[in-house]
Amino acid sequence: MEYRHRCAQPRCPAAPAPDPTPCEGPHDAATLIYPHGREVAGCVHHCARLLAGLEGARVHPFVPAGSAMEVYLRARELPPFAWEIGK
């Protein structure tokens, strides 16, 4: 009998634990700044998902413009905590 070990892909630090979606691209594509000043780097996908639900959060100003724009555009289209409603 053959057993296959399936390793979970490590996720970026911005991926919320209850969000089942996989990362997209580099795990340091963008950095979010929480309203209280904490920073977290992550893929564009998870940064956008977090930004959609964090009032007062923003993308770090030194993130490449393309990544920052992609995070903002995606976040605009998402409801807060999108994973809770299956998005």
Protein backbone atom coordinates (compact mmCIF):
# COMPACT_ATOMS: atom_id res chain seq x y z
CA MET A 1 0.00 0.00 0.00
CA GLU A 2 1.40 3.35 -1.00
CA TYR A 3 0.94 6.39 1.20
CA ARG A 4 1.30 9.84 -0.19
CA HIS A 5 2.20 12.63 2.11
CA ARG A 6 0.52 15.83 1.07
CA CYS A 7 2.28 18.88 2.45
CA ALA A 8 0.20 21.99 2.81
CA GLN A 9 1.59 24.91 0.85
CA PRO A 10 2.80 27.59 3.24
CA ARG A 11 0.66 30.68 3.01
CA CYS A 12 1.68 34.31 3.22
CA PRO A 13 1.52 36.11 6.58
CA ALA A 14 -1.48 38.15 5.38
CA ALA A 15 -3.64 35.04 4.82
CA PRO A 16 -6.29 34.89 7.56
CA ALA A 17 -6.57 31.45 9.16
CA PRO A 18 -10.29 31.04 8.32
CA ASP A 19 -9.75 32.06 4.65
CA PRO A 20 -9.31 28.82 2.66
CA THR A 21 -8.13 30.46 -0.57
CA PRO A 22 -4.58 29.88 -1.81
CA CYS A 23 -2.00 32.61 -2.24
CA GLU A 24 -1.43 34.24 -5.61
CA GLY A 25 2.11 35.21 -6.49
CA PRO A 26 4.96 36.26 -4.21
CA HIS A 27 4.31 36.24 -0.47
CA ASP A 28 5.84 39.71 -0.18
CA ALA A 29 4.15 41.44 -3.12
CA ALA A 30 2.50 44.04 -0.89
CA THR A 31 2.53 45.25 2.70
CA LEU A 32 -0.56 46.39 4.56
CA ILE A 33 -0.46 48.84 7.43
CA TYR A 34 -3.17 48.25 10.02
CA PRO A 35 -4.89 51.32 11.54
CA HIS A 36 -2.86 50.90 14.75
CA GLY A 37 0.45 50.75 12.83
CA ARG A 38 1.20 47.02 12.62
CA GLU A 39 2.45 45.90 9.20
CA VAL A 40 1.97 42.58 7.43
CA ALA A 41 3.41 41.49 4.09
CA GLY A 42 1.52 39.16 1.82
CA CYS A 43 0.46 38.16 -1.64
CA VAL A 44 -1.75 40.56 -3.61
CA HIS A 45 -4.77 38.25 -3.18
CA HIS A 46 -4.69 38.07 0.61
CA CYS A 47 -3.68 41.70 1.08
CA ALA A 48 -6.75 42.71 -0.93
CA ARG A 49 -8.99 40.42 1.11
CA LEU A 50 -7.66 41.87 4.35
CA LEU A 51 -7.86 45.46 3.12
CA ALA A 52 -11.54 44.98 2.23
CA GLY A 53 -12.34 44.25 5.88
CA LEU A 54 -9.98 46.55 7.76
CA GLU A 55 -11.32 50.05 8.13
CA GLY A 56 -8.45 52.53 8.13
CA ALA A 57 -5.86 50.08 6.77
CA ARG A 58 -3.71 51.06 3.81
CA VAL A 59 -1.04 49.70 1.50
CA HIS A 60 2.51 50.62 2.46
CA PRO A 61 3.69 53.56 0.31
CA PHE A 62 6.92 51.82 -0.74
CA VAL A 63 5.16 48.86 -2.37
CA PRO A 64 5.61 48.79 -6.17
CA ALA A 65 2.83 50.83 -7.77
CA GLY A 66 1.47 47.89 -9.79
CA SER A 67 1.04 45.72 -6.70
CA ALA A 68 -0.51 48.53 -4.67
CA MET A 69 -3.01 49.33 -7.41
CA GLU A 70 -3.94 45.67 -7.82
CA VAL A 71 -4.56 45.36 -4.06
CA TYR A 72 -6.78 48.46 -4.01
CA LEU A 73 -8.73 47.45 -7.13
CA ARG A 74 -9.38 43.94 -5.85
CA ALA A 75 -10.33 45.16 -2.36
CA ARG A 76 -12.90 47.53 -3.88
CA GLU A 77 -14.73 44.57 -5.39
CA LEU A 78 -14.82 42.47 -2.21
CA PRO A 79 -17.10 42.52 0.81
CA PRO A 80 -15.43 42.55 4.23
CA PHE A 81 -14.39 39.05 5.32
CA ALA A 82 -15.23 37.58 1.90
CA TRP A 83 -14.30 34.06 3.02
CA GLU A 84 -17.27 34.04 5.41
CA ILE A 85 -19.71 34.18 2.50
CA GLY A 86 -17.80 31.93 0.14
CA LYS A 87 -16.14 34.56 -2.05
